[in-house]
Amino acid sequence: MTDDVEAYFASAPDPHRTTLLAMRATLRELLPDAVETIAYGVPTFKVGGKGVAGIGFTAGHCQYLPMSGDVTTTLADQLTGYATSKGAVRVPPDAPLPREILAALVEARLAEIAA
């Protein structure tokens, strides 16, 4: 699957690719034991077989996918300024989510999985 993940990133235009790779680097630090794969059509970090974080792009934005319908609601106060839906946080194509927000999203999802 690593080839599929790399191909996904290679297919992203700049500045999207730069933003995605920055978020990927942070997610790798936050989830050192995660497996990177493609799920739901985007690169996804899985821990214990469960999706924790996905990142992707469309023509107009990049997105973080928390692999949960509740995480964005739980962290709504930390996500002000970002367009959100139940399953995604949309970010500008040239501005990755800050580390502290990524850490909060990952922590919330891991807590959800553990519960």
C-alpha atoms as a PDB file:
ATOM      1  CA  MET A   1       0.000   0.000   0.000  1.00  0.00           C
ATOM      2  CA  THR A   2       2.923   2.367   0.478  1.00  0.00           C
ATOM      3  CA  ASP A   3       3.176   2.746  -3.308  1.00  0.00           C
ATOM      4  CA  ASP A   4      -0.497   3.761  -3.415  1.00  0.00           C
ATOM      5  CA  VAL A   5       0.062   6.330  -0.664  1.00  0.00           C
ATOM      6  CA  GLU A   6       3.100   7.750  -2.427  1.00  0.00           C
ATOM      7  CA  ALA A   7       1.200   7.858  -5.727  1.00  0.00           C
ATOM      8  CA  TYR A   8      -1.610   9.796  -4.044  1.00  0.00           C
ATOM      9  CA  PHE A   9       0.782  12.451  -2.765  1.00  0.00           C
ATOM     10  CA  ALA A  10       2.545  12.591  -6.130  1.00  0.00           C
ATOM     11  CA  SER A  11      -0.816  13.249  -7.804  1.00  0.00           C
ATOM     12  CA  ALA A  12      -1.504  16.330  -5.664  1.00  0.00           C
ATOM     13  CA  PRO A  13      -0.656  19.671  -7.264  1.00  0.00           C
ATOM     14  CA  ASP A  14       1.309  22.283  -5.362  1.00  0.00           C
ATOM     15  CA  PRO A  15       0.601  23.928  -2.982  1.00  0.00           C
ATOM     16  CA  HIS A  16      -1.701  21.051  -1.949  1.00  0.00           C
ATOM     17  CA  ARG A  17       1.157  18.512  -1.976  1.00  0.00           C
ATOM     18  CA  THR A  18       3.342  20.648   0.291  1.00  0.00           C
ATOM     19  CA  THR A  19       0.457  21.077   2.753  1.00  0.00           C
ATOM     20  CA  LEU A  20      -0.382  17.365   2.743  1.00  0.00           C
ATOM     21  CA  LEU A  21       3.243  16.347   3.229  1.00  0.00           C
ATOM     22  CA  ALA A  22       3.586  18.761   6.158  1.00  0.00           C
ATOM     23  CA  MET A  23       0.504  17.261   7.833  1.00  0.00           C
ATOM     24  CA  ARG A  24       1.774  13.760   7.039  1.00  0.00           C
ATOM     25  CA  ALA A  25       5.102  14.491   8.740  1.00  0.00           C
ATOM     26  CA  THR A  26       3.311  15.707  11.858  1.00  0.00           C
ATOM     27  CA  LEU A  27       0.974  12.708  11.873  1.00  0.00           C
ATOM     28  CA  ARG A  28       3.959  10.374  11.580  1.00  0.00           C
ATOM     29  CA  GLU A  29       5.435  12.008  14.687  1.00  0.00           C
ATOM     30  CA  LEU A  30       2.132  11.803  16.569  1.00  0.00           C
ATOM     31  CA  LEU A  31       1.412   8.224  15.447  1.00  0.00           C
ATOM     32  CA  PRO A  32       4.812   6.520  15.142  1.00  0.00           C
ATOM     33  CA  ASP A  33       3.313   3.014  15.214  1.00  0.00           C
ATOM     34  CA  ALA A  34       0.565   3.716  12.681  1.00  0.00           C
ATOM     35  CA  VAL A  35       0.300   1.973   9.346  1.00  0.00           C
ATOM     36  CA  GLU A  36      -0.188   4.253   6.349  1.00  0.00           C
ATOM     37  CA  THR A  37      -2.651   2.952   3.806  1.00  0.00           C
ATOM     38  CA  ILE A  38      -5.366   4.149   1.466  1.00  0.00           C
ATOM     39  CA  ALA A  39      -8.874   4.120   2.927  1.00  0.00           C
ATOM     40  CA  TYR A  40     -11.889   5.951   1.555  1.00  0.00           C
ATOM     41  CA  GLY A  41      -9.653   7.013  -1.322  1.00  0.00           C
ATOM     42  CA  VAL A  42      -7.143   8.983   0.779  1.00  0.00           C
ATOM     43  CA  PRO A  43      -3.949   8.299   2.743  1.00  0.00           C
ATOM     44  CA  THR A  44      -4.994   7.080   6.166  1.00  0.00           C
ATOM     45  CA  PHE A  45      -3.129   6.374   9.387  1.00  0.00           C
ATOM     46  CA  LYS A  46      -4.391   3.237  11.121  1.00  0.00           C
ATOM     47  CA  VAL A  47      -3.581   2.047  14.619  1.00  0.00           C
ATOM     48  CA  GLY A  48      -4.603  -1.462  15.550  1.00  0.00           C
ATOM     49  CA  GLY A  49      -6.485  -1.718  12.275  1.00  0.00           C
ATOM     50  CA  LYS A  50      -8.653   1.333  13.063  1.00  0.00           C
ATOM     51  CA  GLY A  51      -8.522   4.559  11.088  1.00  0.00           C
ATOM     52  CA  VAL A  52      -7.260   7.459  13.171  1.00  0.00           C
ATOM     53  CA  ALA A  53      -6.533  10.165  10.599  1.00  0.00           C
ATOM     54  CA  GLY A  54      -6.870  10.670   6.885  1.00  0.00           C
ATOM     55  CA  ILE A  55      -5.631  13.503   4.708  1.00  0.00           C
ATOM     56  CA  GLY A  56      -6.647  14.394   1.205  1.00  0.00           C
ATOM     57  CA  PHE A  57      -7.258  17.143  -1.314  1.00  0.00           C
ATOM     58  CA  THR A  58      -9.762  18.509  -3.757  1.00  0.00           C
ATOM     59  CA  ALA A  59      -9.276  21.290  -6.281  1.00  0.00           C
ATOM     60  CA  GLY A  60     -10.085  23.998  -3.743  1.00  0.00           C
ATOM     61  CA  HIS A  61      -8.724  22.731  -0.444  1.00  0.00           C
ATOM     62  CA  CYS A  62      -6.957  20.079   1.576  1.00  0.00           C
ATOM     63  CA  GLN A  63      -8.788  18.121   4.216  1.00  0.00           C
ATOM     64  CA  TYR A  64      -8.233  16.256   7.429  1.00  0.00           C
ATOM     65  CA  LEU A  65     -10.529  13.299   8.005  1.00  0.00           C
ATOM     66  CA  PRO A  66     -10.825  12.258  11.668  1.00  0.00           C
ATOM     67  CA  MET A  67     -12.353   8.868  10.766  1.00  0.00           C
ATOM     68  CA  SER A  68     -15.201   9.671  13.138  1.00  0.00           C
ATOM     69  CA  GLY A  69     -18.459  11.563  13.013  1.00  0.00           C
ATOM     70  CA  ASP A  70     -18.006  12.985  16.506  1.00  0.00           C
ATOM     71  CA  VAL A  71     -14.463  14.374  16.685  1.00  0.00           C
ATOM     72  CA  THR A  72     -15.140  17.628  14.827  1.00  0.00           C
ATOM     73  CA  THR A  73     -18.136  18.323  17.059  1.00  0.00           C
ATOM     74  CA  THR A  74     -16.164  17.516  20.206  1.00  0.00           C
ATOM     75  CA  LEU A  75     -13.349  19.873  19.164  1.00  0.00           C
ATOM     76  CA  ALA A  76     -15.526  22.580  17.575  1.00  0.00           C
ATOM     77  CA  ASP A  77     -14.045  25.287  19.830  1.00  0.00           C
ATOM     78  CA  GLN A  78     -10.516  24.467  18.586  1.00  0.00           C
ATOM     79  CA  LEU A  79     -11.597  24.381  14.940  1.00  0.00           C
ATOM     80  CA  THR A  80     -13.033  27.875  14.652  1.00  0.00           C
ATOM     81  CA  GLY A  81     -11.843  29.465  11.452  1.00  0.00           C
ATOM     82  CA  TYR A  82     -11.937  26.154   9.571  1.00  0.00           C
ATOM     83  CA  ALA A  83     -14.831  24.816   7.540  1.00  0.00           C
ATOM     84  CA  THR A  84     -15.920  21.550   9.124  1.00  0.00           C
ATOM     85  CA  SER A  85     -18.451  18.843   8.553  1.00  0.00           C
ATOM     86  CA  LYS A  86     -19.198  15.753  10.558  1.00  0.00           C
ATOM     87  CA  GLY A  87     -16.330  13.912   8.897  1.00  0.00           C
ATOM     88  CA  ALA A  88     -13.841  16.529   7.696  1.00  0.00           C
ATOM     89  CA  VAL A  89     -11.878  19.663   8.446  1.00  0.00           C
ATOM     90  CA  ARG A  90     -11.166  21.683   5.318  1.00  0.00           C
ATOM     91  CA  VAL A  91      -7.957  23.712   5.206  1.00  0.00           C
ATOM     92  CA  PRO A  92      -6.544  26.084   2.603  1.00  0.00           C
ATOM     93  CA  PRO A  93      -4.331  24.342   0.040  1.00  0.00           C
ATOM     94  CA  ASP A  94      -1.334  26.354   1.257  1.00  0.00           C
ATOM     95  CA  ALA A  95      -1.760  26.171   5.050  1.00  0.00           C
ATOM     96  CA  PRO A  96      -1.524  22.865   6.935  1.00  0.00           C
ATOM     97  CA  LEU A  97      -3.332  22.417  10.215  1.00  0.00           C
ATOM     98  CA  PRO A  98      -1.086  23.464  13.099  1.00  0.00           C
ATOM     99  CA  ARG A  99       0.543  20.717  15.131  1.00  0.00           C
ATOM    100  CA  GLU A 100      -1.524  21.495  18.240  1.00  0.00           C
ATOM    101  CA  ILE A 101      -4.776  21.050  16.321  1.00  0.00           C
ATOM    102  CA  LEU A 102      -3.568  17.828  14.686  1.00  0.00           C
ATOM    103  CA  ALA A 103      -2.512  16.546  18.118  1.00  0.00           C
ATOM    104  CA  ALA A 104      -5.939  17.342  19.581  1.00  0.00           C
ATOM    105  CA  LEU A 105      -7.719  15.627  16.675  1.00  0.00           C
ATOM    106  CA  VAL A 106      -5.543  12.517  16.982  1.00  0.00           C
ATOM    107  CA  GLU A 107      -5.916  12.412  20.763  1.00  0.00           C
ATOM    108  CA  ALA A 108      -9.701  12.700  20.514  1.00  0.00           C
ATOM    109  CA  ARG A 109      -9.903   9.872  17.982  1.00  0.00           C
ATOM    110  CA  LEU A 110      -7.575   7.603  19.968  1.00  0.00           C
ATOM    111  CA  ALA A 111      -9.677   8.214  23.096  1.00  0.00           C
ATOM    112  CA  GLU A 112     -12.788   7.386  21.136  1.00  0.00           C
ATOM    113  CA  ILE A 113     -11.257   4.129  19.900  1.00  0.00           C
ATOM    114  CA  ALA A 114     -10.123   3.193  23.410  1.00  0.00           C
ATOM    115  CA  ALA A 115     -13.599   3.779  24.910  1.00  0.00           C
END
